[in-house]
C-alpha atoms as a PDB file:
ATOM      1  CA  UNK A   1     106.886 123.115  64.483  1.00  0.00           C
ATOM      2  CA  UNK A   2     104.446 120.409  63.479  1.00  0.00           C
ATOM      3  CA  UNK A   3     100.869 120.583  64.597  1.00  0.00           C
ATOM      4  CA  UNK A   4      99.156 117.644  66.157  1.00  0.00           C
ATOM      5  CA  UNK A   5      96.416 116.104  64.151  1.00  0.00           C
ATOM      6  CA  UNK A   6      93.418 114.617  65.765  1.00  0.00           C
ATOM      7  CA  UNK A   7      92.001 111.411  64.523  1.00  0.00           C
ATOM      8  CA  UNK A   8      88.283 111.093  64.227  1.00  0.00           C
ATOM      9  CA  UNK A   9      86.722 109.075  66.986  1.00  0.00           C
ATOM     10  CA  UNK A  10      83.983 106.689  66.215  1.00  0.00           C
ATOM     11  CA  UNK A  11      81.318 106.246  68.842  1.00  0.00           C
ATOM     12  CA  UNK A  12      81.546 102.483  68.917  1.00  0.00           C
ATOM     13  CA  UNK A  13      81.677 101.410  72.559  1.00  0.00           C
ATOM     14  CA  UNK A  14      84.784  99.525  73.523  1.00  0.00           C
ATOM     15  CA  UNK A  15      83.961  96.003  74.703  1.00  0.00           C
ATOM     16  CA  UNK A  16      84.510  95.349  78.383  1.00  0.00           C
ATOM     17  CA  UNK A  17      87.603  93.375  79.287  1.00  0.00           C
ATOM     18  CA  UNK A  18      87.283  90.232  81.385  1.00  0.00           C
ATOM     19  CA  UNK A  19      88.634  92.168  84.361  1.00  0.00           C
ATOM     20  CA  UNK A  20      86.019  94.910  83.924  1.00  0.00           C
ATOM     21  CA  UNK A  21      83.266  92.300  83.869  1.00  0.00           C
ATOM     22  CA  UNK A  22      84.583  90.592  87.008  1.00  0.00           C
ATOM     23  CA  UNK A  23      85.382  93.805  88.888  1.00  0.00           C
ATOM     24  CA  UNK A  24      81.861  95.149  88.311  1.00  0.00           C
ATOM     25  CA  UNK A  25      80.240  91.917  89.473  1.00  0.00           C
ATOM     26  CA  UNK A  26      78.551  92.181  92.892  1.00  0.00           C
ATOM     27  CA  UNK A  27      79.482  88.571  93.671  1.00  0.00           C
ATOM     28  CA  UNK A  28      83.152  89.451  93.185  1.00  0.00           C
ATOM     29  CA  UNK A  29      82.812  92.405  95.540  1.00  0.00           C
ATOM     30  CA  UNK A  30      81.130  90.106  98.069  1.00  0.00           C
ATOM     31  CA  UNK A  31      83.981  87.595  97.705  1.00  0.00           C
ATOM     32  CA  UNK A  32      86.624  90.253  98.325  1.00  0.00           C
ATOM     33  CA  UNK A  33      84.698  91.532 101.356  1.00  0.00           C
ATOM     34  CA  UNK A  34      84.277  87.999 102.754  1.00  0.00           C
ATOM     35  CA  UNK A  35      87.976  87.275 102.349  1.00  0.00           C
ATOM     36  CA  UNK A  36      88.882  90.553 104.049  1.00  0.00           C
ATOM     37  CA  UNK A  37      86.486  89.784 106.931  1.00  0.00           C
ATOM     38  CA  UNK A  38      88.399  86.555 107.537  1.00  0.00           C
ATOM     39  CA  UNK A  39      91.980  87.419 106.643  1.00  0.00           C
ATOM     40  CA  UNK A  40      92.356  90.764 108.418  1.00  0.00           C
ATOM     41  CA  UNK A  41      91.142  89.657 111.884  1.00  0.00           C
ATOM     42  CA  UNK A  42      92.950  86.294 111.599  1.00  0.00           C
ATOM     43  CA  UNK A  43      96.209  88.043 110.703  1.00  0.00           C
ATOM     44  CA  UNK A  44      95.870  90.611 113.481  1.00  0.00           C
ATOM     45  CA  UNK A  45      95.053  87.867 116.001  1.00  0.00           C
ATOM     46  CA  UNK A  46      97.986  85.722 114.934  1.00  0.00           C
ATOM     47  CA  UNK A  47     100.476  88.616 115.020  1.00  0.00           C
ATOM     48  CA  UNK A  48      99.308  89.686 118.479  1.00  0.00           C
ATOM     49  CA  UNK A  49      99.453  86.090 119.705  1.00  0.00           C
ATOM     50  CA  UNK A  50     102.909  85.562 118.194  1.00  0.00           C
ATOM     51  CA  UNK A  51     104.415  88.718 119.691  1.00  0.00           C
ATOM     52  CA  UNK A  52     102.739  88.173 123.073  1.00  0.00           C
ATOM     53  CA  UNK A  53     105.401  85.590 124.004  1.00  0.00           C
ATOM     54  CA  UNK A  54     108.494  87.816 123.735  1.00  0.00           C
ATOM     55  CA  UNK A  55     106.582  90.754 125.224  1.00  0.00           C
ATOM     56  CA  UNK A  56     105.419  88.707 128.208  1.00  0.00           C
ATOM     57  CA  UNK A  57     108.870  87.206 128.700  1.00  0.00           C
ATOM     58  CA  UNK A  58     110.320  90.719 128.703  1.00  0.00           C
ATOM     59  CA  UNK A  59     107.703  92.501 130.813  1.00  0.00           C
ATOM     60  CA  UNK A  60     106.327  89.704 133.035  1.00  0.00           C
ATOM     61  CA  UNK A  61     109.254  87.318 133.542  1.00  0.00           C
ATOM     62  CA  UNK A  62     108.130  86.164 136.977  1.00  0.00           C
ATOM     63  CA  UNK A  63     104.725  85.147 135.561  1.00  0.00           C
ATOM     64  CA  UNK A  64     106.278  83.329 132.608  1.00  0.00           C
ATOM     65  CA  UNK A  65     108.721  81.455 134.917  1.00  0.00           C
ATOM     66  CA  UNK A  66     105.929  79.878 136.956  1.00  0.00           C
ATOM     67  CA  UNK A  67     106.154  76.121 136.673  1.00  0.00           C
ATOM     68  CA  UNK A  68     103.094  74.204 135.584  1.00  0.00           C
ATOM     69  CA  UNK A  69     104.206  70.576 135.309  1.00  0.00           C
ATOM     70  CA  UNK A  70     107.630  69.667 136.652  1.00  0.00           C
ATOM     71  CA  UNK A  71     110.240  71.832 134.915  1.00  0.00           C
ATOM     72  CA  UNK A  72     107.770  73.037 132.278  1.00  0.00           C
ATOM     73  CA  UNK A  73     106.835  76.671 132.807  1.00  0.00           C
ATOM     74  CA  UNK A  74     104.207  78.971 131.292  1.00  0.00           C
ATOM     75  CA  UNK A  75     106.668  80.343 128.716  1.00  0.00           C
ATOM     76  CA  UNK A  76     107.326  76.853 127.330  1.00  0.00           C
ATOM     77  CA  UNK A  77     103.608  76.084 127.143  1.00  0.00           C
ATOM     78  CA  UNK A  78     102.910  79.411 125.476  1.00  0.00           C
ATOM     79  CA  UNK A  79     105.661  78.765 122.918  1.00  0.00           C
ATOM     80  CA  UNK A  80     104.256  75.303 122.166  1.00  0.00           C
ATOM     81  CA  UNK A  81     100.742  76.699 121.904  1.00  0.00           C
ATOM     82  CA  UNK A  82     101.876  78.873 119.004  1.00  0.00           C
ATOM     83  CA  UNK A  83     102.306  75.765 116.852  1.00  0.00           C
ATOM     84  CA  UNK A  84      98.761  74.679 117.630  1.00  0.00           C
ATOM     85  CA  UNK A  85      97.434  78.180 117.044  1.00  0.00           C
ATOM     86  CA  UNK A  86      99.061  78.282 113.591  1.00  0.00           C
ATOM     87  CA  UNK A  87      97.451  74.925 112.750  1.00  0.00           C
ATOM     88  CA  UNK A  88      94.056  76.112 114.012  1.00  0.00           C
ATOM     89  CA  UNK A  89      94.224  79.310 111.938  1.00  0.00           C
ATOM     90  CA  UNK A  90      95.266  77.270 108.881  1.00  0.00           C
ATOM     91  CA  UNK A  91      92.376  74.838 109.468  1.00  0.00           C
ATOM     92  CA  UNK A  92      89.888  77.691 109.805  1.00  0.00           C
ATOM     93  CA  UNK A  93      91.184  79.258 106.588  1.00  0.00           C
ATOM     94  CA  UNK A  94      90.922  75.955 104.729  1.00  0.00           C
ATOM     95  CA  UNK A  95      87.322  75.641 105.897  1.00  0.00           C
ATOM     96  CA  UNK A  96      86.543  79.223 104.836  1.00  0.00           C
ATOM     97  CA  UNK A  97      88.336  78.736 101.514  1.00  0.00           C
ATOM     98  CA  UNK A  98      85.726  76.160 100.487  1.00  0.00           C
ATOM     99  CA  UNK A  99      83.148  78.957 100.667  1.00  0.00           C
ATOM    100  CA  UNK A 100      85.508  81.312  98.794  1.00  0.00           C
ATOM    101  CA  UNK A 101      86.028  78.693  96.073  1.00  0.00           C
ATOM    102  CA  UNK A 102      82.277  78.277  95.601  1.00  0.00           C
ATOM    103  CA  UNK A 103      81.897  82.043  95.281  1.00  0.00           C
ATOM    104  CA  UNK A 104      84.776  82.120  92.782  1.00  0.00           C
ATOM    105  CA  UNK A 105      83.156  79.425  90.636  1.00  0.00           C
ATOM    106  CA  UNK A 106      79.964  81.458  90.538  1.00  0.00           C
ATOM    107  CA  UNK A 107      81.956  84.503  89.400  1.00  0.00           C
ATOM    108  CA  UNK A 108      83.659  82.489  86.662  1.00  0.00           C
ATOM    109  CA  UNK A 109      80.268  81.200  85.505  1.00  0.00           C
ATOM    110  CA  UNK A 110      79.044  84.796  85.312  1.00  0.00           C
ATOM    111  CA  UNK A 111      82.102  85.729  83.243  1.00  0.00           C
ATOM    112  CA  UNK A 112      81.506  82.798  80.903  1.00  0.00           C
ATOM    113  CA  UNK A 113      77.852  83.795  80.447  1.00  0.00           C
ATOM    114  CA  UNK A 114      79.006  87.325  79.624  1.00  0.00           C
ATOM    115  CA  UNK A 115      81.520  86.040  77.062  1.00  0.00           C
ATOM    116  CA  UNK A 116      78.894  83.781  75.506  1.00  0.00           C
ATOM    117  CA  UNK A 117      76.456  86.684  75.200  1.00  0.00           C
ATOM    118  CA  UNK A 118      79.162  88.813  73.564  1.00  0.00           C
ATOM    119  CA  UNK A 119      79.912  86.059  71.060  1.00  0.00           C
ATOM    120  CA  UNK A 120      76.261  85.603  70.186  1.00  0.00           C
ATOM    121  CA  UNK A 121      75.919  82.312  72.045  1.00  0.00           C
ATOM    122  CA  UNK A 122      73.569  83.704  74.686  1.00  0.00           C
ATOM    123  CA  UNK A 123      70.153  82.205  75.219  1.00  0.00           C
END
């Protein structure tokens, strides 16, 4: 049976990968937290709103059958409102994404400064 040989380890620190630099950046952590603060509640709201229609039709049919304008009842209006709600959520995300993009550019600038300092181009 052969014995395993150990190779000598030199104590030269391994350079950080780009991901390590980004993942350890506080701005990146702030970006991920900001995105989660928007995306999680928006997703929960939209799912609840979306499934409210079939639930209300099933459990409150008399309420959903009430006419509002001519033959148009609450169920029809609720179904149409889901289109508008999807557009509103998309608009709100687009507005928030401008802030996310600015944060992302700052993170990329930090990464570039780190790379420049590693390559001896730092000031």
